[in-house]
Amino acid sequence: MIAALYVEKDGSYWDLPNVDPWDEARDARKYDGPYPVVAHPPCQRWGRFWHGSTRKPHQFRLGADHGCFAAALTAVRNFGGVLEHPKDSVAWPYFGLTRPPTGGGWMQADGFGGWTCCVDQGYYGHFANKRTWLYAVGCELPSLLWGRGKQKLHPIALERHGYEKARRIGMMAMVGGKDKTRIRNSTPDGFRDLLISIAATAGRQEHLEAAE
């Protein structure tokens, strides 16, 4: 059994065998074991626009996520498992975690037995190229599909604007309305299964070695 923290009700982790999902109503900050975790703490206050939109800058404080990332980090360190956040998350330097190499590979992240890496969710079924940082403790560390995923161009953008602009604006620019946030934040089944498989190894080996 693994605990999936900070996930959506009826989302990709819901109703899976051997997965205990914690949605917003259940409040994953209260998780106190005993299972290893897959943690998806909110990223809005740790990203490029942590302060708010460009039209209303500095309406939020850096890291003001009501303690979600800190609680997720503690859960991973206490019970083993893996945490994911967008590439270049300010939470990494804020909590003293080493930034992983963009090209891939696991490296030691801190003094708590944590390891970190950068992986592109585009390899694992995401609609767009979505580079992501992982932080794992107490797990076997698999060799993943490293580096930036194959370039994805939206066919409508390509037809309307040509290659250079379609490449520059990316896939998500052509998704409108409320679906934009849902699609960007969603965890594809392939990536979800990868994270579950990593967390499921927590505690299996006493001494960890990073995969090549």
C-alpha atoms as a PDB file:
ATOM      1  CA  MET A   1       0.000   0.000   0.000  1.00  0.00           C
ATOM      2  CA  ILE A   2       1.148   3.544  -0.761  1.00  0.00           C
ATOM      3  CA  ALA A   3      -0.447   6.878   0.194  1.00  0.00           C
ATOM      4  CA  ALA A   4      -1.037   9.381  -2.626  1.00  0.00           C
ATOM      5  CA  LEU A   5      -0.915  12.862  -1.098  1.00  0.00           C
ATOM      6  CA  TYR A   6      -2.382  16.092  -2.514  1.00  0.00           C
ATOM      7  CA  VAL A   7      -4.324  14.391  -5.296  1.00  0.00           C
ATOM      8  CA  GLU A   8      -7.694  15.196  -6.851  1.00  0.00           C
ATOM      9  CA  LYS A   9     -10.872  13.402  -5.873  1.00  0.00           C
ATOM     10  CA  ASP A  10     -11.847  11.073  -8.735  1.00  0.00           C
ATOM     11  CA  GLY A  11      -8.484  11.774 -10.373  1.00  0.00           C
ATOM     12  CA  SER A  12      -5.872   9.355 -11.677  1.00  0.00           C
ATOM     13  CA  TYR A  13      -5.037   7.981  -8.204  1.00  0.00           C
ATOM     14  CA  TRP A  14      -8.653   7.393  -7.191  1.00  0.00           C
ATOM     15  CA  ASP A  15     -10.044   3.857  -6.794  1.00  0.00           C
ATOM     16  CA  LEU A  16      -6.713   2.173  -7.488  1.00  0.00           C
ATOM     17  CA  PRO A  17      -5.891  -1.030  -5.617  1.00  0.00           C
ATOM     18  CA  ASN A  18      -3.228  -0.591  -2.944  1.00  0.00           C
ATOM     19  CA  VAL A  19      -3.404   3.230  -3.129  1.00  0.00           C
ATOM     20  CA  ASP A  20      -4.734   5.344  -0.252  1.00  0.00           C
ATOM     21  CA  PRO A  21      -5.607   8.743  -1.815  1.00  0.00           C
ATOM     22  CA  TRP A  22      -5.601  12.003   0.161  1.00  0.00           C
ATOM     23  CA  ASP A  23      -7.526  14.825  -1.523  1.00  0.00           C
ATOM     24  CA  GLU A  24      -8.014  18.414  -0.338  1.00  0.00           C
ATOM     25  CA  ALA A  25     -10.942  17.535   1.934  1.00  0.00           C
ATOM     26  CA  ARG A  26      -8.892  14.855   3.690  1.00  0.00           C
ATOM     27  CA  ASP A  27      -5.935  17.268   4.149  1.00  0.00           C
ATOM     28  CA  ALA A  28      -2.664  15.500   3.346  1.00  0.00           C
ATOM     29  CA  ARG A  29      -0.797  17.728   5.802  1.00  0.00           C
ATOM     30  CA  LYS A  30      -2.204  15.453   8.514  1.00  0.00           C
ATOM     31  CA  TYR A  31      -0.743  12.274   7.022  1.00  0.00           C
ATOM     32  CA  ASP A  32       1.147  10.366   9.706  1.00  0.00           C
ATOM     33  CA  GLY A  33       2.001   7.059   8.037  1.00  0.00           C
ATOM     34  CA  PRO A  34       2.522   4.237   7.955  1.00  0.00           C
ATOM     35  CA  TYR A  35       2.735   3.777   4.173  1.00  0.00           C
ATOM     36  CA  PRO A  36       5.339   5.197   1.790  1.00  0.00           C
ATOM     37  CA  VAL A  37       4.031   8.136  -0.199  1.00  0.00           C
ATOM     38  CA  VAL A  38       3.706   9.670  -3.619  1.00  0.00           C
ATOM     39  CA  ALA A  39       3.326  13.407  -2.964  1.00  0.00           C
ATOM     40  CA  HIS A  40       2.062  16.109  -5.333  1.00  0.00           C
ATOM     41  CA  PRO A  41       2.101  19.244  -3.138  1.00  0.00           C
ATOM     42  CA  PRO A  42       0.641  22.410  -4.726  1.00  0.00           C
ATOM     43  CA  CYS A  43       3.153  24.346  -6.795  1.00  0.00           C
ATOM     44  CA  GLN A  44       1.480  27.718  -7.414  1.00  0.00           C
ATOM     45  CA  ARG A  45       3.445  29.603  -4.748  1.00  0.00           C
ATOM     46  CA  TRP A  46       6.775  28.020  -5.729  1.00  0.00           C
ATOM     47  CA  GLY A  47       6.829  28.623  -9.479  1.00  0.00           C
ATOM     48  CA  ARG A  48       7.739  31.437 -11.817  1.00  0.00           C
ATOM     49  CA  PHE A  49       4.631  33.424 -10.906  1.00  0.00           C
ATOM     50  CA  TRP A  50       4.629  32.629  -7.186  1.00  0.00           C
ATOM     51  CA  HIS A  51       3.828  36.292  -6.501  1.00  0.00           C
ATOM     52  CA  GLY A  52       0.672  36.317  -8.660  1.00  0.00           C
ATOM     53  CA  SER A  53      -0.154  37.204 -12.250  1.00  0.00           C
ATOM     54  CA  THR A  54       1.812  39.840 -14.159  1.00  0.00           C
ATOM     55  CA  ARG A  55      -1.283  42.085 -13.991  1.00  0.00           C
ATOM     56  CA  LYS A  56      -1.402  41.849 -10.177  1.00  0.00           C
ATOM     57  CA  PRO A  57       2.165  41.123  -9.051  1.00  0.00           C
ATOM     58  CA  HIS A  58       3.205  40.583  -5.449  1.00  0.00           C
ATOM     59  CA  GLN A  59      -0.245  39.701  -4.196  1.00  0.00           C
ATOM     60  CA  PHE A  60       1.136  36.477  -2.665  1.00  0.00           C
ATOM     61  CA  ARG A  61       4.127  35.575  -0.522  1.00  0.00           C
ATOM     62  CA  LEU A  62       6.773  33.128  -1.697  1.00  0.00           C
ATOM     63  CA  GLY A  63       5.986  29.632  -0.470  1.00  0.00           C
ATOM     64  CA  ALA A  64       2.608  30.589   1.037  1.00  0.00           C
ATOM     65  CA  ASP A  65       1.058  27.162   0.492  1.00  0.00           C
ATOM     66  CA  HIS A  66      -0.237  26.657   4.058  1.00  0.00           C
ATOM     67  CA  GLY A  67       2.631  24.304   4.826  1.00  0.00           C
ATOM     68  CA  CYS A  68       1.807  21.752   2.133  1.00  0.00           C
ATOM     69  CA  PHE A  69       5.314  21.351   0.660  1.00  0.00           C
ATOM     70  CA  ALA A  70       6.960  21.201   4.083  1.00  0.00           C
ATOM     71  CA  ALA A  71       4.508  18.516   5.209  1.00  0.00           C
ATOM     72  CA  ALA A  72       5.006  16.531   2.002  1.00  0.00           C
ATOM     73  CA  LEU A  73       8.790  16.700   2.390  1.00  0.00           C
ATOM     74  CA  THR A  74       8.514  15.487   5.983  1.00  0.00           C
ATOM     75  CA  ALA A  75       6.228  12.608   4.953  1.00  0.00           C
ATOM     76  CA  VAL A  76       8.668  11.424   2.281  1.00  0.00           C
ATOM     77  CA  ARG A  77      11.581  11.605   4.712  1.00  0.00           C
ATOM     78  CA  ASN A  78       9.682   9.820   7.475  1.00  0.00           C
ATOM     79  CA  PHE A  79       7.956   7.070   5.507  1.00  0.00           C
ATOM     80  CA  GLY A  80       9.868   6.849   2.224  1.00  0.00           C
ATOM     81  CA  GLY A  81       8.553   7.527  -1.242  1.00  0.00           C
ATOM     82  CA  VAL A  82       8.746  10.223  -3.878  1.00  0.00           C
ATOM     83  CA  LEU A  83       7.660  13.858  -4.258  1.00  0.00           C
ATOM     84  CA  GLU A  84       7.229  15.698  -7.547  1.00  0.00           C
ATOM     85  CA  HIS A  85       7.285  19.407  -8.400  1.00  0.00           C
ATOM     86  CA  PRO A  86       7.814  21.405 -11.602  1.00  0.00           C
ATOM     87  CA  LYS A  87      11.349  21.963 -12.854  1.00  0.00           C
ATOM     88  CA  ASP A  88      12.931  25.073 -11.306  1.00  0.00           C
ATOM     89  CA  SER A  89      10.639  24.944  -8.284  1.00  0.00           C
ATOM     90  CA  VAL A  90      11.825  27.545  -5.772  1.00  0.00           C
ATOM     91  CA  ALA A  91      11.008  25.000  -3.055  1.00  0.00           C
ATOM     92  CA  TRP A  92      14.265  23.165  -3.840  1.00  0.00           C
ATOM     93  CA  PRO A  93      16.660  25.965  -2.792  1.00  0.00           C
ATOM     94  CA  TYR A  94      14.212  27.175  -0.119  1.00  0.00           C
ATOM     95  CA  PHE A  95      14.411  23.802   1.658  1.00  0.00           C
ATOM     96  CA  GLY A  96      18.093  23.222   0.914  1.00  0.00           C
ATOM     97  CA  LEU A  97      17.647  20.595  -1.785  1.00  0.00           C
ATOM     98  CA  THR A  98      20.252  20.295  -4.537  1.00  0.00           C
ATOM     99  CA  ARG A  99      19.022  21.206  -8.009  1.00  0.00           C
ATOM    100  CA  PRO A 100      19.202  18.108 -10.239  1.00  0.00           C
ATOM    101  CA  PRO A 101      20.977  18.150 -13.605  1.00  0.00           C
ATOM    102  CA  THR A 102      18.690  19.001 -16.520  1.00  0.00           C
ATOM    103  CA  GLY A 103      20.098  16.207 -18.647  1.00  0.00           C
ATOM    104  CA  GLY A 104      18.973  13.510 -16.236  1.00  0.00           C
ATOM    105  CA  GLY A 105      20.388  11.107 -13.700  1.00  0.00           C
ATOM    106  CA  TRP A 106      19.887  10.870  -9.949  1.00  0.00           C
ATOM    107  CA  MET A 107      22.030  12.852  -7.544  1.00  0.00           C
ATOM    108  CA  GLN A 108      22.105  13.250  -3.763  1.00  0.00           C
ATOM    109  CA  ALA A 109      19.814  16.070  -2.697  1.00  0.00           C
ATOM    110  CA  ASP A 110      20.391  16.581   1.021  1.00  0.00           C
ATOM    111  CA  GLY A 111      21.560  15.081   4.287  1.00  0.00           C
ATOM    112  CA  PHE A 112      18.332  13.131   4.853  1.00  0.00           C
ATOM    113  CA  GLY A 113      19.049  10.353   2.358  1.00  0.00           C
ATOM    114  CA  GLY A 114      17.174  12.116  -0.411  1.00  0.00           C
ATOM    115  CA  TRP A 115      17.908  11.813  -4.117  1.00  0.00           C
ATOM    116  CA  THR A 116      16.696  14.091  -6.885  1.00  0.00           C
ATOM    117  CA  CYS A 117      16.409  14.060 -10.668  1.00  0.00           C
ATOM    118  CA  CYS A 118      14.803  15.888 -13.597  1.00  0.00           C
ATOM    119  CA  VAL A 119      12.441  13.985 -15.885  1.00  0.00           C
ATOM    120  CA  ASP A 120      10.090  15.028 -18.703  1.00  0.00           C
ATOM    121  CA  GLN A 121       6.505  13.867 -18.230  1.00  0.00           C
ATOM    122  CA  GLY A 122       6.106  14.046 -22.011  1.00  0.00           C
ATOM    123  CA  TYR A 123       7.872  10.676 -22.159  1.00  0.00           C
ATOM    124  CA  TYR A 124       5.202   9.221 -19.876  1.00  0.00           C
ATOM    125  CA  GLY A 125       2.026  10.428 -21.557  1.00  0.00           C
ATOM    126  CA  HIS A 126       1.649  14.120 -20.740  1.00  0.00           C
ATOM    127  CA  PHE A 127      -0.005  16.278 -23.389  1.00  0.00           C
ATOM    128  CA  ALA A 128       2.962  18.659 -23.385  1.00  0.00           C
ATOM    129  CA  ASN A 129       6.651  18.497 -22.561  1.00  0.00           C
ATOM    130  CA  LYS A 130       6.530  19.009 -18.804  1.00  0.00           C
ATOM    131  CA  ARG A 131       9.905  18.758 -17.126  1.00  0.00           C
ATOM    132  CA  THR A 132       9.581  17.770 -13.503  1.00  0.00           C
ATOM    133  CA  TRP A 133      11.838  17.413 -10.488  1.00  0.00           C
ATOM    134  CA  LEU A 134      11.562  14.343  -8.279  1.00  0.00           C
ATOM    135  CA  TYR A 135      12.747  13.898  -4.711  1.00  0.00           C
ATOM    136  CA  ALA A 136      12.932  10.328  -3.383  1.00  0.00           C
ATOM    137  CA  VAL A 137      13.930   8.796  -0.053  1.00  0.00           C
ATOM    138  CA  GLY A 138      14.423   5.140   0.831  1.00  0.00           C
ATOM    139  CA  CYS A 139      13.542   3.889  -2.652  1.00  0.00           C
ATOM    140  CA  GLU A 140      15.247   1.981  -5.400  1.00  0.00           C
ATOM    141  CA  LEU A 141      16.178   4.551  -8.039  1.00  0.00           C
ATOM    142  CA  PRO A 142      15.392   3.410 -11.584  1.00  0.00           C
ATOM    143  CA  SER A 143      17.051   4.650 -14.734  1.00  0.00           C
ATOM    144  CA  LEU A 144      14.411   6.801 -16.446  1.00  0.00           C
ATOM    145  CA  LEU A 145      13.972   8.309 -19.898  1.00  0.00           C
ATOM    146  CA  TRP A 146      16.334  11.227 -19.435  1.00  0.00           C
ATOM    147  CA  GLY A 147      16.556  14.609 -21.111  1.00  0.00           C
ATOM    148  CA  ARG A 148      13.957  16.783 -22.797  1.00  0.00           C
ATOM    149  CA  GLY A 149      11.209  14.833 -24.520  1.00  0.00           C
ATOM    150  CA  LYS A 150      10.514  14.921 -28.222  1.00  0.00           C
ATOM    151  CA  GLN A 151       9.251  18.321 -29.311  1.00  0.00           C
ATOM    152  CA  LYS A 152       5.464  18.559 -29.501  1.00  0.00           C
ATOM    153  CA  LEU A 153       3.804  21.109 -31.780  1.00  0.00           C
ATOM    154  CA  HIS A 154       0.086  21.823 -31.702  1.00  0.00           C
ATOM    155  CA  PRO A 155      -1.242  21.224 -35.256  1.00  0.00           C
ATOM    156  CA  ILE A 156      -3.551  24.258 -35.120  1.00  0.00           C
ATOM    157  CA  ALA A 157      -0.726  26.542 -33.970  1.00  0.00           C
ATOM    158  CA  LEU A 158       1.525  25.121 -36.664  1.00  0.00           C
ATOM    159  CA  GLU A 159      -1.078  25.778 -39.340  1.00  0.00           C
ATOM    160  CA  ARG A 160      -1.949  29.291 -38.150  1.00  0.00           C
ATOM    161  CA  HIS A 161       1.428  30.634 -37.051  1.00  0.00           C
ATOM    162  CA  GLY A 162       4.158  28.489 -38.577  1.00  0.00           C
ATOM    163  CA  TYR A 163       6.890  26.402 -36.980  1.00  0.00           C
ATOM    164  CA  GLU A 164       8.826  29.056 -35.046  1.00  0.00           C
ATOM    165  CA  LYS A 165       5.845  30.508 -33.192  1.00  0.00           C
ATOM    166  CA  ALA A 166       4.270  27.079 -32.627  1.00  0.00           C
ATOM    167  CA  ARG A 167       7.549  25.949 -31.062  1.00  0.00           C
ATOM    168  CA  ARG A 168       7.830  29.090 -28.942  1.00  0.00           C
ATOM    169  CA  ILE A 169       4.304  29.152 -27.504  1.00  0.00           C
ATOM    170  CA  GLY A 170       4.134  25.404 -26.824  1.00  0.00           C
ATOM    171  CA  MET A 171       1.238  22.991 -26.631  1.00  0.00           C
ATOM    172  CA  MET A 172      -0.566  24.507 -23.660  1.00  0.00           C
ATOM    173  CA  ALA A 173      -1.020  27.902 -25.325  1.00  0.00           C
ATOM    174  CA  MET A 174      -3.637  26.382 -27.624  1.00  0.00           C
ATOM    175  CA  VAL A 175      -5.738  24.985 -24.780  1.00  0.00           C
ATOM    176  CA  GLY A 176      -8.370  27.408 -23.545  1.00  0.00           C
ATOM    177  CA  GLY A 177     -10.727  27.835 -20.618  1.00  0.00           C
ATOM    178  CA  LYS A 178     -10.740  25.791 -17.451  1.00  0.00           C
ATOM    179  CA  ASP A 179      -9.268  22.777 -19.271  1.00  0.00           C
ATOM    180  CA  LYS A 180      -5.899  24.541 -19.454  1.00  0.00           C
ATOM    181  CA  THR A 181      -5.219  24.262 -15.724  1.00  0.00           C
ATOM    182  CA  ARG A 182      -6.672  20.764 -15.506  1.00  0.00           C
ATOM    183  CA  ILE A 183      -4.564  19.420 -18.392  1.00  0.00           C
ATOM    184  CA  ARG A 184      -1.380  21.182 -17.253  1.00  0.00           C
ATOM    185  CA  ASN A 185      -1.716  19.908 -13.689  1.00  0.00           C
ATOM    186  CA  SER A 186      -2.936  16.405 -14.500  1.00  0.00           C
ATOM    187  CA  THR A 187      -0.726  13.385 -13.873  1.00  0.00           C
ATOM    188  CA  PRO A 188      -0.792  11.025 -16.868  1.00  0.00           C
ATOM    189  CA  ASP A 189      -1.381   7.377 -16.056  1.00  0.00           C
ATOM    190  CA  GLY A 190       2.085   6.389 -17.248  1.00  0.00           C
ATOM    191  CA  PHE A 191       3.792   8.882 -14.962  1.00  0.00           C
ATOM    192  CA  ARG A 192       1.496   8.007 -12.066  1.00  0.00           C
ATOM    193  CA  ASP A 193       2.393   4.336 -12.459  1.00  0.00           C
ATOM    194  CA  LEU A 194       6.092   5.218 -12.521  1.00  0.00           C
ATOM    195  CA  LEU A 195       5.857   7.180  -9.267  1.00  0.00           C
ATOM    196  CA  ILE A 196       3.844   4.427  -7.591  1.00  0.00           C
ATOM    197  CA  SER A 197       6.415   1.845  -8.674  1.00  0.00           C
ATOM    198  CA  ILE A 198       9.239   3.943  -7.159  1.00  0.00           C
ATOM    199  CA  ALA A 199       7.407   4.530  -3.874  1.00  0.00           C
ATOM    200  CA  ALA A 200       6.500   0.841  -3.641  1.00  0.00           C
ATOM    201  CA  THR A 201      10.211  -0.031  -3.282  1.00  0.00           C
ATOM    202  CA  ALA A 202      10.629   2.111  -0.148  1.00  0.00           C
ATOM    203  CA  GLY A 203      12.488   0.214   2.543  1.00  0.00           C
ATOM    204  CA  ARG A 204      13.465  -2.703   0.339  1.00  0.00           C
ATOM    205  CA  GLN A 205      17.170  -1.960   0.405  1.00  0.00           C
ATOM    206  CA  GLU A 206      19.305  -0.680   3.223  1.00  0.00           C
ATOM    207  CA  HIS A 207      21.837   1.166   1.124  1.00  0.00           C
ATOM    208  CA  LEU A 208      20.768   3.034  -2.002  1.00  0.00           C
ATOM    209  CA  GLU A 209      22.846   3.457  -5.117  1.00  0.00           C
ATOM    210  CA  ALA A 210      21.813   5.890  -7.838  1.00  0.00           C
ATOM    211  CA  ALA A 211      20.904   4.338 -11.173  1.00  0.00           C
ATOM    212  CA  GLU A 212      23.219   5.137 -14.006  1.00  0.00           C
END
